[in-house]
Amino acid sequence: MNGVAFIKMHGLGNDFVVLDARREAFDLADAAARGIADRHTGVGCDQLIIVRPARQAGTDAYMEIRNADGGEVEACGNGTRCVAALLMAESGRDRVVVETMAGRLDASLAEGGNVTVDMGLARTDWHDIPLAAACDTNHVPLAMGPLSDPVATNIGNPHATFFVADAESVDLASLGPALEHHAMFPKRANIGVAQQLSPGRLRLRVWERGVGITRACGSGAAAAMVAAARRGLTERRAEILLDGGPLRLEWRHDGHVLMTGPVATSFTGAFDPALLAAR
């Protein structure tokens, strides 16, 4: 098949077009990333992932992440699990290190064919999120419509988690864009609405920065886990139920967040090189 080869993968319905640029390097303009991600005229995905040669010793590959709007972002938990699964299958090993803009992420095979990723440190200082002004990140002074009093967390990228009585009733499609671009978040933010189902279980819906509502957001689940533990709603382990299914999260005492969940390959194919060259 002629064209640019890709793999379509997903983690709980959070879907990715994965391109391999380790042997033949290429640059990608924002417009090209948007074109590939377009579900009507491209391949269609929440995020476009480009696997590039490792930049640091001790890592297996560098993962470049582009949101559907074409912009590059720091972290993607579900995408990291997918890339880690590819690298482990390719190498025959059960542990790899994926390098991202957010840092080095250790990944390993888990039971049932799942993949565990160490998402790194959960950062909770206001300047690490970052927020526009100093405040208590466990109670950010922000309200819009029925949402108020979020917890702000950085899990490689910025998140605001709002705790609500009923996550399904929140009009996230309307509130998400305005909150993503709120002046409180100079680098924009991913917006989560979380409902406590039990002491160890949360229901979560996420508006992802530069994408919209997705079926699953790994870093959003990690942020919700940290936020719930900080609020005393859960211990440091919990199951997070997203639209696409559950993820298991653990906020270790060293500050790192571990995420475990499934990965899947939907199909492989090739697209017209003209998409890659779009400007």
C-alpha atoms as a PDB file:
ATOM      1  CA  MET A   1       0.000   0.000   0.000  1.00  0.00           C
ATOM      2  CA  ASN A   2       1.433   3.393  -1.027  1.00  0.00           C
ATOM      3  CA  GLY A   3       1.326   6.334   1.328  1.00  0.00           C
ATOM      4  CA  VAL A   4       2.272   7.138   4.915  1.00  0.00           C
ATOM      5  CA  ALA A   5       1.855   4.122   7.186  1.00  0.00           C
ATOM      6  CA  PHE A   6       0.024   4.546  10.491  1.00  0.00           C
ATOM      7  CA  ILE A   7      -1.453   2.489  13.315  1.00  0.00           C
ATOM      8  CA  LYS A   8      -4.834   3.419  14.788  1.00  0.00           C
ATOM      9  CA  MET A   9      -4.903   2.617  18.520  1.00  0.00           C
ATOM     10  CA  HIS A  10      -6.983   3.523  21.529  1.00  0.00           C
ATOM     11  CA  GLY A  11      -7.094   3.318  25.293  1.00  0.00           C
ATOM     12  CA  LEU A  12     -10.711   2.998  26.458  1.00  0.00           C
ATOM     13  CA  GLY A  13     -11.874   4.816  23.340  1.00  0.00           C
ATOM     14  CA  ASN A  14      -9.379   7.688  23.619  1.00  0.00           C
ATOM     15  CA  ASP A  15      -8.032   7.176  20.099  1.00  0.00           C
ATOM     16  CA  PHE A  16      -4.723   7.878  18.402  1.00  0.00           C
ATOM     17  CA  VAL A  17      -3.082   7.847  15.006  1.00  0.00           C
ATOM     18  CA  VAL A  18       0.469   6.619  15.637  1.00  0.00           C
ATOM     19  CA  LEU A  19       3.220   7.470  13.138  1.00  0.00           C
ATOM     20  CA  ASP A  20       6.749   6.041  13.272  1.00  0.00           C
ATOM     21  CA  ALA A  21       9.427   8.642  12.485  1.00  0.00           C
ATOM     22  CA  ARG A  22      12.386   6.731  13.901  1.00  0.00           C
ATOM     23  CA  ARG A  23      13.809   5.610  10.558  1.00  0.00           C
ATOM     24  CA  GLU A  24      12.636   8.430   8.320  1.00  0.00           C
ATOM     25  CA  ALA A  25      12.350  11.769  10.078  1.00  0.00           C
ATOM     26  CA  PHE A  26       9.737  14.348   9.126  1.00  0.00           C
ATOM     27  CA  ASP A  27       8.378  17.603  10.496  1.00  0.00           C
ATOM     28  CA  LEU A  28       4.678  18.159  10.955  1.00  0.00           C
ATOM     29  CA  ALA A  29       2.963  21.525  10.731  1.00  0.00           C
ATOM     30  CA  ASP A  30      -0.059  22.206  12.940  1.00  0.00           C
ATOM     31  CA  ALA A  31      -2.286  22.236   9.856  1.00  0.00           C
ATOM     32  CA  ALA A  32      -1.055  18.761   8.864  1.00  0.00           C
ATOM     33  CA  ALA A  33      -1.773  17.410  12.339  1.00  0.00           C
ATOM     34  CA  ARG A  34      -5.281  18.895  12.201  1.00  0.00           C
ATOM     35  CA  GLY A  35      -5.844  17.351   8.775  1.00  0.00           C
ATOM     36  CA  ILE A  36      -4.832  13.861   9.872  1.00  0.00           C
ATOM     37  CA  ALA A  37      -6.940  14.139  13.040  1.00  0.00           C
ATOM     38  CA  ASP A  38     -10.035  15.300  11.139  1.00  0.00           C
ATOM     39  CA  ARG A  39     -12.666  12.544  11.333  1.00  0.00           C
ATOM     40  CA  HIS A  40     -14.289  13.531   8.026  1.00  0.00           C
ATOM     41  CA  THR A  41     -11.357  14.247   5.706  1.00  0.00           C
ATOM     42  CA  GLY A  42      -8.418  12.610   7.488  1.00  0.00           C
ATOM     43  CA  VAL A  43      -7.950   9.446   9.541  1.00  0.00           C
ATOM     44  CA  GLY A  44      -9.590  10.780  12.682  1.00  0.00           C
ATOM     45  CA  CYS A  45      -8.314  10.789  16.262  1.00  0.00           C
ATOM     46  CA  ASP A  46      -8.211  12.636  19.559  1.00  0.00           C
ATOM     47  CA  GLN A  47      -4.423  12.819  19.434  1.00  0.00           C
ATOM     48  CA  LEU A  48      -1.777  12.262  16.790  1.00  0.00           C
ATOM     49  CA  ILE A  49       1.334  10.554  18.166  1.00  0.00           C
ATOM     50  CA  ILE A  50       4.713  10.609  16.426  1.00  0.00           C
ATOM     51  CA  VAL A  51       7.285   8.106  17.697  1.00  0.00           C
ATOM     52  CA  ARG A  52      10.757   9.584  17.228  1.00  0.00           C
ATOM     53  CA  PRO A  53      14.259   8.328  18.103  1.00  0.00           C
ATOM     54  CA  ALA A  54      15.188   8.507  21.781  1.00  0.00           C
ATOM     55  CA  ARG A  55      16.845  11.766  22.775  1.00  0.00           C
ATOM     56  CA  GLN A  56      18.111  10.715  26.204  1.00  0.00           C
ATOM     57  CA  ALA A  57      20.226   7.740  27.220  1.00  0.00           C
ATOM     58  CA  GLY A  58      18.196   5.037  28.898  1.00  0.00           C
ATOM     59  CA  THR A  59      14.981   5.752  27.005  1.00  0.00           C
ATOM     60  CA  ASP A  60      13.466   3.695  24.201  1.00  0.00           C
ATOM     61  CA  ALA A  61      11.799   6.410  22.105  1.00  0.00           C
ATOM     62  CA  TYR A  62      10.577   9.990  22.177  1.00  0.00           C
ATOM     63  CA  MET A  63       6.804  10.486  21.898  1.00  0.00           C
ATOM     64  CA  GLU A  64       5.564  13.707  20.294  1.00  0.00           C
ATOM     65  CA  ILE A  65       1.885  14.361  21.060  1.00  0.00           C
ATOM     66  CA  ARG A  66      -0.391  16.576  18.964  1.00  0.00           C
ATOM     67  CA  ASN A  67      -3.965  17.313  19.958  1.00  0.00           C
ATOM     68  CA  ALA A  68      -6.734  17.333  17.369  1.00  0.00           C
ATOM     69  CA  ASP A  69      -6.331  21.112  17.047  1.00  0.00           C
ATOM     70  CA  GLY A  70      -2.730  20.557  15.897  1.00  0.00           C
ATOM     71  CA  GLY A  71      -1.040  21.918  19.001  1.00  0.00           C
ATOM     72  CA  GLU A  72       1.736  19.983  20.722  1.00  0.00           C
ATOM     73  CA  VAL A  73       1.074  18.950  24.325  1.00  0.00           C
ATOM     74  CA  GLU A  74       3.188  17.621  27.145  1.00  0.00           C
ATOM     75  CA  ALA A  75       1.554  14.380  28.254  1.00  0.00           C
ATOM     76  CA  CYS A  76      -1.053  11.775  27.351  1.00  0.00           C
ATOM     77  CA  GLY A  77      -1.513   8.792  29.653  1.00  0.00           C
ATOM     78  CA  ASN A  78      -3.574   6.600  27.345  1.00  0.00           C
ATOM     79  CA  GLY A  79      -1.275   7.415  24.432  1.00  0.00           C
ATOM     80  CA  THR A  80       1.795   6.545  26.475  1.00  0.00           C
ATOM     81  CA  ARG A  81       0.301   3.143  27.277  1.00  0.00           C
ATOM     82  CA  CYS A  82      -0.322   2.539  23.566  1.00  0.00           C
ATOM     83  CA  VAL A  83       3.193   3.526  22.514  1.00  0.00           C
ATOM     84  CA  ALA A  84       4.689   1.514  25.386  1.00  0.00           C
ATOM     85  CA  ALA A  85       2.744  -1.555  24.239  1.00  0.00           C
ATOM     86  CA  LEU A  86       4.148  -1.158  20.710  1.00  0.00           C
ATOM     87  CA  LEU A  87       7.706  -0.746  21.989  1.00  0.00           C
ATOM     88  CA  MET A  88       7.417  -3.757  24.305  1.00  0.00           C
ATOM     89  CA  ALA A  89       6.017  -5.944  21.531  1.00  0.00           C
ATOM     90  CA  GLU A  90       8.785  -4.783  19.198  1.00  0.00           C
ATOM     91  CA  SER A  91      11.599  -5.398  21.700  1.00  0.00           C
ATOM     92  CA  GLY A  92      10.221  -8.490  23.426  1.00  0.00           C
ATOM     93  CA  ARG A  93      10.679  -6.788  26.804  1.00  0.00           C
ATOM     94  CA  ASP A  94       8.077  -6.195  29.510  1.00  0.00           C
ATOM     95  CA  ARG A  95       9.370  -2.765  30.528  1.00  0.00           C
ATOM     96  CA  VAL A  96      10.263   0.354  28.504  1.00  0.00           C
ATOM     97  CA  VAL A  97      10.923   4.052  29.099  1.00  0.00           C
ATOM     98  CA  VAL A  98       9.038   6.552  26.937  1.00  0.00           C
ATOM     99  CA  GLU A  99      10.421  10.080  26.714  1.00  0.00           C
ATOM    100  CA  THR A 100       7.918  12.955  26.427  1.00  0.00           C
ATOM    101  CA  MET A 101       7.908  16.712  26.737  1.00  0.00           C
ATOM    102  CA  ALA A 102       6.790  16.100  30.338  1.00  0.00           C
ATOM    103  CA  GLY A 103       9.780  13.841  31.078  1.00  0.00           C
ATOM    104  CA  ARG A 104      10.682  10.158  31.176  1.00  0.00           C
ATOM    105  CA  LEU A 105       7.762   7.801  31.762  1.00  0.00           C
ATOM    106  CA  ASP A 106       8.392   4.208  32.873  1.00  0.00           C
ATOM    107  CA  ALA A 107       5.920   1.664  31.520  1.00  0.00           C
ATOM    108  CA  SER A 108       5.488  -2.058  32.119  1.00  0.00           C
ATOM    109  CA  LEU A 109       3.187  -4.938  31.292  1.00  0.00           C
ATOM    110  CA  ALA A 110       0.511  -5.637  33.883  1.00  0.00           C
ATOM    111  CA  GLU A 111      -1.881  -8.499  34.433  1.00  0.00           C
ATOM    112  CA  GLY A 112      -4.512  -9.240  31.809  1.00  0.00           C
ATOM    113  CA  GLY A 113      -2.554  -7.604  29.014  1.00  0.00           C
ATOM    114  CA  ASN A 114      -2.913  -4.172  30.610  1.00  0.00           C
ATOM    115  CA  VAL A 115      -0.111  -1.611  30.705  1.00  0.00           C
ATOM    116  CA  THR A 116       1.032   0.404  33.729  1.00  0.00           C
ATOM    117  CA  VAL A 117       2.613   3.828  33.240  1.00  0.00           C
ATOM    118  CA  ASP A 118       4.330   5.934  35.877  1.00  0.00           C
ATOM    119  CA  MET A 119       2.917   9.351  34.994  1.00  0.00           C
ATOM    120  CA  GLY A 120       5.559  11.097  37.069  1.00  0.00           C
ATOM    121  CA  LEU A 121       5.134  13.569  39.908  1.00  0.00           C
ATOM    122  CA  ALA A 122       1.791  15.166  40.608  1.00  0.00           C
ATOM    123  CA  ARG A 123       2.547  18.862  40.990  1.00  0.00           C
ATOM    124  CA  THR A 124       0.230  20.929  43.148  1.00  0.00           C
ATOM    125  CA  ASP A 125       1.928  24.322  43.584  1.00  0.00           C
ATOM    126  CA  TRP A 126       0.098  27.119  41.794  1.00  0.00           C
ATOM    127  CA  HIS A 127       3.113  28.125  39.670  1.00  0.00           C
ATOM    128  CA  ASP A 128       3.604  24.503  38.532  1.00  0.00           C
ATOM    129  CA  ILE A 129       0.033  24.105  37.204  1.00  0.00           C
ATOM    130  CA  PRO A 130       0.439  26.975  36.138  1.00  0.00           C
ATOM    131  CA  LEU A 131      -2.233  29.347  37.483  1.00  0.00           C
ATOM    132  CA  ALA A 132      -2.383  33.063  36.791  1.00  0.00           C
ATOM    133  CA  ALA A 133      -2.183  33.987  40.484  1.00  0.00           C
ATOM    134  CA  ALA A 134      -1.107  32.455  43.764  1.00  0.00           C
ATOM    135  CA  CYS A 135      -3.855  30.520  45.526  1.00  0.00           C
ATOM    136  CA  ASP A 136      -4.623  27.295  47.367  1.00  0.00           C
ATOM    137  CA  THR A 137      -4.726  24.741  44.542  1.00  0.00           C
ATOM    138  CA  ASN A 138      -6.947  22.452  46.646  1.00  0.00           C
ATOM    139  CA  HIS A 139      -9.635  25.161  46.501  1.00  0.00           C
ATOM    140  CA  VAL A 140      -9.146  27.319  43.425  1.00  0.00           C
ATOM    141  CA  PRO A 141     -11.387  30.428  43.518  1.00  0.00           C
ATOM    142  CA  LEU A 142     -13.144  29.717  40.225  1.00  0.00           C
ATOM    143  CA  ALA A 143     -16.820  29.205  39.441  1.00  0.00           C
ATOM    144  CA  MET A 144     -18.867  28.947  36.271  1.00  0.00           C
ATOM    145  CA  GLY A 145     -22.487  27.867  36.111  1.00  0.00           C
ATOM    146  CA  PRO A 146     -22.977  24.854  38.411  1.00  0.00           C
ATOM    147  CA  LEU A 147     -19.211  24.252  38.723  1.00  0.00           C
ATOM    148  CA  SER A 148     -17.085  25.785  41.466  1.00  0.00           C
ATOM    149  CA  ASP A 149     -14.147  25.216  43.827  1.00  0.00           C
ATOM    150  CA  PRO A 150     -11.938  22.981  41.629  1.00  0.00           C
ATOM    151  CA  VAL A 151      -8.676  21.282  42.533  1.00  0.00           C
ATOM    152  CA  ALA A 152      -5.776  22.188  40.232  1.00  0.00           C
ATOM    153  CA  THR A 153      -3.091  19.624  39.451  1.00  0.00           C
ATOM    154  CA  ASN A 154      -0.303  19.260  36.931  1.00  0.00           C
ATOM    155  CA  ILE A 155       0.239  15.687  35.681  1.00  0.00           C
ATOM    156  CA  GLY A 156       2.599  16.696  32.905  1.00  0.00           C
ATOM    157  CA  ASN A 157      -0.180  19.040  31.776  1.00  0.00           C
ATOM    158  CA  PRO A 158      -2.629  21.321  33.625  1.00  0.00           C
ATOM    159  CA  HIS A 159      -5.920  20.014  35.029  1.00  0.00           C
ATOM    160  CA  ALA A 160      -8.829  21.462  36.970  1.00  0.00           C
ATOM    161  CA  THR A 161     -11.066  18.863  38.649  1.00  0.00           C
ATOM    162  CA  PHE A 162     -14.545  19.881  39.810  1.00  0.00           C
ATOM    163  CA  PHE A 163     -16.359  17.579  42.244  1.00  0.00           C
ATOM    164  CA  VAL A 164     -20.074  17.314  41.553  1.00  0.00           C
ATOM    165  CA  ALA A 165     -23.074  15.332  42.781  1.00  0.00           C
ATOM    166  CA  ASP A 166     -23.903  14.006  39.295  1.00  0.00           C
ATOM    167  CA  ALA A 167     -21.235  14.031  36.585  1.00  0.00           C
ATOM    168  CA  GLU A 168     -23.723  13.005  33.887  1.00  0.00           C
ATOM    169  CA  SER A 169     -25.886  16.097  34.403  1.00  0.00           C
ATOM    170  CA  VAL A 170     -23.095  18.629  33.782  1.00  0.00           C
ATOM    171  CA  ASP A 171     -23.228  20.328  30.374  1.00  0.00           C
ATOM    172  CA  LEU A 172     -19.514  19.825  29.823  1.00  0.00           C
ATOM    173  CA  ALA A 173     -19.773  20.557  26.097  1.00  0.00           C
ATOM    174  CA  SER A 174     -20.822  24.134  26.929  1.00  0.00           C
ATOM    175  CA  LEU A 175     -18.744  24.750  30.042  1.00  0.00           C
ATOM    176  CA  GLY A 176     -15.557  23.008  28.895  1.00  0.00           C
ATOM    177  CA  PRO A 177     -14.417  25.482  26.229  1.00  0.00           C
ATOM    178  CA  ALA A 178     -14.878  28.542  28.442  1.00  0.00           C
ATOM    179  CA  LEU A 179     -13.113  26.929  31.395  1.00  0.00           C
ATOM    180  CA  GLU A 180     -10.271  25.604  29.217  1.00  0.00           C
ATOM    181  CA  HIS A 181      -9.553  29.172  28.102  1.00  0.00           C
ATOM    182  CA  HIS A 182     -10.267  30.877  31.448  1.00  0.00           C
ATOM    183  CA  ALA A 183      -7.797  33.582  32.443  1.00  0.00           C
ATOM    184  CA  MET A 184      -6.899  31.527  35.526  1.00  0.00           C
ATOM    185  CA  PHE A 185      -5.064  29.091  33.193  1.00  0.00           C
ATOM    186  CA  PRO A 186      -2.358  30.859  31.147  1.00  0.00           C
ATOM    187  CA  LYS A 187      -1.548  27.602  29.311  1.00  0.00           C
ATOM    188  CA  ARG A 188      -5.208  26.566  29.182  1.00  0.00           C
ATOM    189  CA  ALA A 189      -6.382  23.505  31.133  1.00  0.00           C
ATOM    190  CA  ASN A 190      -8.062  20.130  30.884  1.00  0.00           C
ATOM    191  CA  ILE A 191     -11.411  20.260  32.691  1.00  0.00           C
ATOM    192  CA  GLY A 192     -12.713  17.277  34.655  1.00  0.00           C
ATOM    193  CA  VAL A 193     -16.021  16.755  36.468  1.00  0.00           C
ATOM    194  CA  ALA A 194     -15.778  13.992  39.061  1.00  0.00           C
ATOM    195  CA  GLN A 195     -18.456  12.263  41.114  1.00  0.00           C
ATOM    196  CA  GLN A 196     -17.631  10.058  44.089  1.00  0.00           C
ATOM    197  CA  LEU A 197     -19.370   6.700  43.652  1.00  0.00           C
ATOM    198  CA  SER A 198     -17.760   5.067  46.701  1.00  0.00           C
ATOM    199  CA  PRO A 199     -14.647   5.654  48.856  1.00  0.00           C
ATOM    200  CA  GLY A 200     -12.483   3.941  46.205  1.00  0.00           C
ATOM    201  CA  ARG A 201     -14.342   4.752  43.005  1.00  0.00           C
ATOM    202  CA  LEU A 202     -14.959   7.924  41.008  1.00  0.00           C
ATOM    203  CA  ARG A 203     -16.977   8.706  37.876  1.00  0.00           C
ATOM    204  CA  LEU A 204     -15.104  11.151  35.642  1.00  0.00           C
ATOM    205  CA  ARG A 205     -15.848  13.069  32.470  1.00  0.00           C
ATOM    206  CA  VAL A 206     -13.174  15.228  30.841  1.00  0.00           C
ATOM    207  CA  TRP A 207     -13.034  18.122  28.414  1.00  0.00           C
ATOM    208  CA  GLU A 208      -9.517  17.828  26.997  1.00  0.00           C
ATOM    209  CA  ARG A 209      -7.572  20.939  26.086  1.00  0.00           C
ATOM    210  CA  GLY A 210      -7.448  21.272  22.308  1.00  0.00           C
ATOM    211  CA  VAL A 211      -9.666  18.228  21.710  1.00  0.00           C
ATOM    212  CA  GLY A 212     -13.047  18.407  23.460  1.00  0.00           C
ATOM    213  CA  ILE A 213     -14.878  15.691  25.365  1.00  0.00           C
ATOM    214  CA  THR A 214     -13.042  12.382  25.045  1.00  0.00           C
ATOM    215  CA  ARG A 215     -14.076   8.873  26.052  1.00  0.00           C
ATOM    216  CA  ALA A 216     -11.090   8.599  28.367  1.00  0.00           C
ATOM    217  CA  CYS A 217      -8.306  10.897  29.558  1.00  0.00           C
ATOM    218  CA  GLY A 218      -5.444   9.208  31.382  1.00  0.00           C
ATOM    219  CA  SER A 219      -3.828  12.334  32.794  1.00  0.00           C
ATOM    220  CA  GLY A 220      -7.311  13.574  33.736  1.00  0.00           C
ATOM    221  CA  ALA A 221      -7.915  10.355  35.670  1.00  0.00           C
ATOM    222  CA  ALA A 222      -4.570  10.797  37.424  1.00  0.00           C
ATOM    223  CA  ALA A 223      -5.467  14.387  38.309  1.00  0.00           C
ATOM    224  CA  ALA A 224      -8.864  13.280  39.652  1.00  0.00           C
ATOM    225  CA  MET A 225      -7.194  10.605  41.799  1.00  0.00           C
ATOM    226  CA  VAL A 226      -4.822  13.169  43.319  1.00  0.00           C
ATOM    227  CA  ALA A 227      -7.607  15.716  43.777  1.00  0.00           C
ATOM    228  CA  ALA A 228      -9.876  13.191  45.523  1.00  0.00           C
ATOM    229  CA  ALA A 229      -7.074  12.093  47.853  1.00  0.00           C
ATOM    230  CA  ARG A 230      -6.230  15.704  48.695  1.00  0.00           C
ATOM    231  CA  ARG A 231      -9.886  16.359  49.522  1.00  0.00           C
ATOM    232  CA  GLY A 232     -10.054  13.226  51.689  1.00  0.00           C
ATOM    233  CA  LEU A 233     -12.628  11.556  49.426  1.00  0.00           C
ATOM    234  CA  THR A 234     -10.472   8.496  48.690  1.00  0.00           C
ATOM    235  CA  GLU A 235      -7.283   6.864  49.854  1.00  0.00           C
ATOM    236  CA  ARG A 236      -4.301   6.992  47.498  1.00  0.00           C
ATOM    237  CA  ARG A 237      -5.703   4.237  45.268  1.00  0.00           C
ATOM    238  CA  ALA A 238      -8.922   4.376  43.292  1.00  0.00           C
ATOM    239  CA  GLU A 239     -10.743   3.157  40.220  1.00  0.00           C
ATOM    240  CA  ILE A 240     -11.698   5.968  37.872  1.00  0.00           C
ATOM    241  CA  LEU A 241     -14.703   5.190  35.653  1.00  0.00           C
ATOM    242  CA  LEU A 242     -14.522   7.143  32.387  1.00  0.00           C
ATOM    243  CA  ASP A 243     -16.926   7.114  29.441  1.00  0.00           C
ATOM    244  CA  GLY A 244     -14.847   4.370  27.820  1.00  0.00           C
ATOM    245  CA  GLY A 245     -14.317   2.245  30.940  1.00  0.00           C
ATOM    246  CA  PRO A 246     -12.217   2.062  34.118  1.00  0.00           C
ATOM    247  CA  LEU A 247      -8.600   2.939  34.870  1.00  0.00           C
ATOM    248  CA  ARG A 248      -6.773   2.007  38.071  1.00  0.00           C
ATOM    249  CA  LEU A 249      -4.779   4.797  39.692  1.00  0.00           C
ATOM    250  CA  GLU A 250      -2.338   4.947  42.586  1.00  0.00           C
ATOM    251  CA  TRP A 251      -0.778   8.114  44.015  1.00  0.00           C
ATOM    252  CA  ARG A 252       2.382   6.830  45.636  1.00  0.00           C
ATOM    253  CA  HIS A 253       3.888   8.456  48.718  1.00  0.00           C
ATOM    254  CA  ASP A 254       6.864   9.598  46.635  1.00  0.00           C
ATOM    255  CA  GLY A 255       4.435  11.778  44.661  1.00  0.00           C
ATOM    256  CA  HIS A 256       4.374   9.675  41.488  1.00  0.00           C
ATOM    257  CA  VAL A 257       1.073   8.550  39.965  1.00  0.00           C
ATOM    258  CA  LEU A 258       0.737   5.053  38.471  1.00  0.00           C
ATOM    259  CA  MET A 259      -1.978   4.379  35.917  1.00  0.00           C
ATOM    260  CA  THR A 260      -3.028   0.913  34.729  1.00  0.00           C
ATOM    261  CA  GLY A 261      -5.411   0.164  31.895  1.00  0.00           C
ATOM    262  CA  PRO A 262      -5.939  -1.557  28.541  1.00  0.00           C
ATOM    263  CA  VAL A 263      -4.646  -0.730  25.068  1.00  0.00           C
ATOM    264  CA  ALA A 264      -5.969  -1.859  21.709  1.00  0.00           C
ATOM    265  CA  THR A 265      -5.093  -1.651  18.032  1.00  0.00           C
ATOM    266  CA  SER A 266      -8.068  -0.805  15.837  1.00  0.00           C
ATOM    267  CA  PHE A 267      -6.439  -1.104  12.421  1.00  0.00           C
ATOM    268  CA  THR A 268      -3.383  -0.226  10.356  1.00  0.00           C
ATOM    269  CA  GLY A 269      -3.256   1.596   7.065  1.00  0.00           C
ATOM    270  CA  ALA A 270      -1.707   4.368   4.998  1.00  0.00           C
ATOM    271  CA  PHE A 271      -2.838   7.858   4.083  1.00  0.00           C
ATOM    272  CA  ASP A 272      -2.054  10.223   1.207  1.00  0.00           C
ATOM    273  CA  PRO A 273       1.334  11.955   1.746  1.00  0.00           C
ATOM    274  CA  ALA A 274      -0.404  15.211   0.845  1.00  0.00           C
ATOM    275  CA  LEU A 275      -1.945  15.182   4.339  1.00  0.00           C
ATOM    276  CA  LEU A 276       1.524  15.083   5.884  1.00  0.00           C
ATOM    277  CA  ALA A 277       2.676  18.034   3.782  1.00  0.00           C
ATOM    278  CA  ALA A 278      -0.294  20.316   4.554  1.00  0.00           C
ATOM    279  CA  ARG A 279       0.597  23.844   5.670  1.00  0.00           C
END
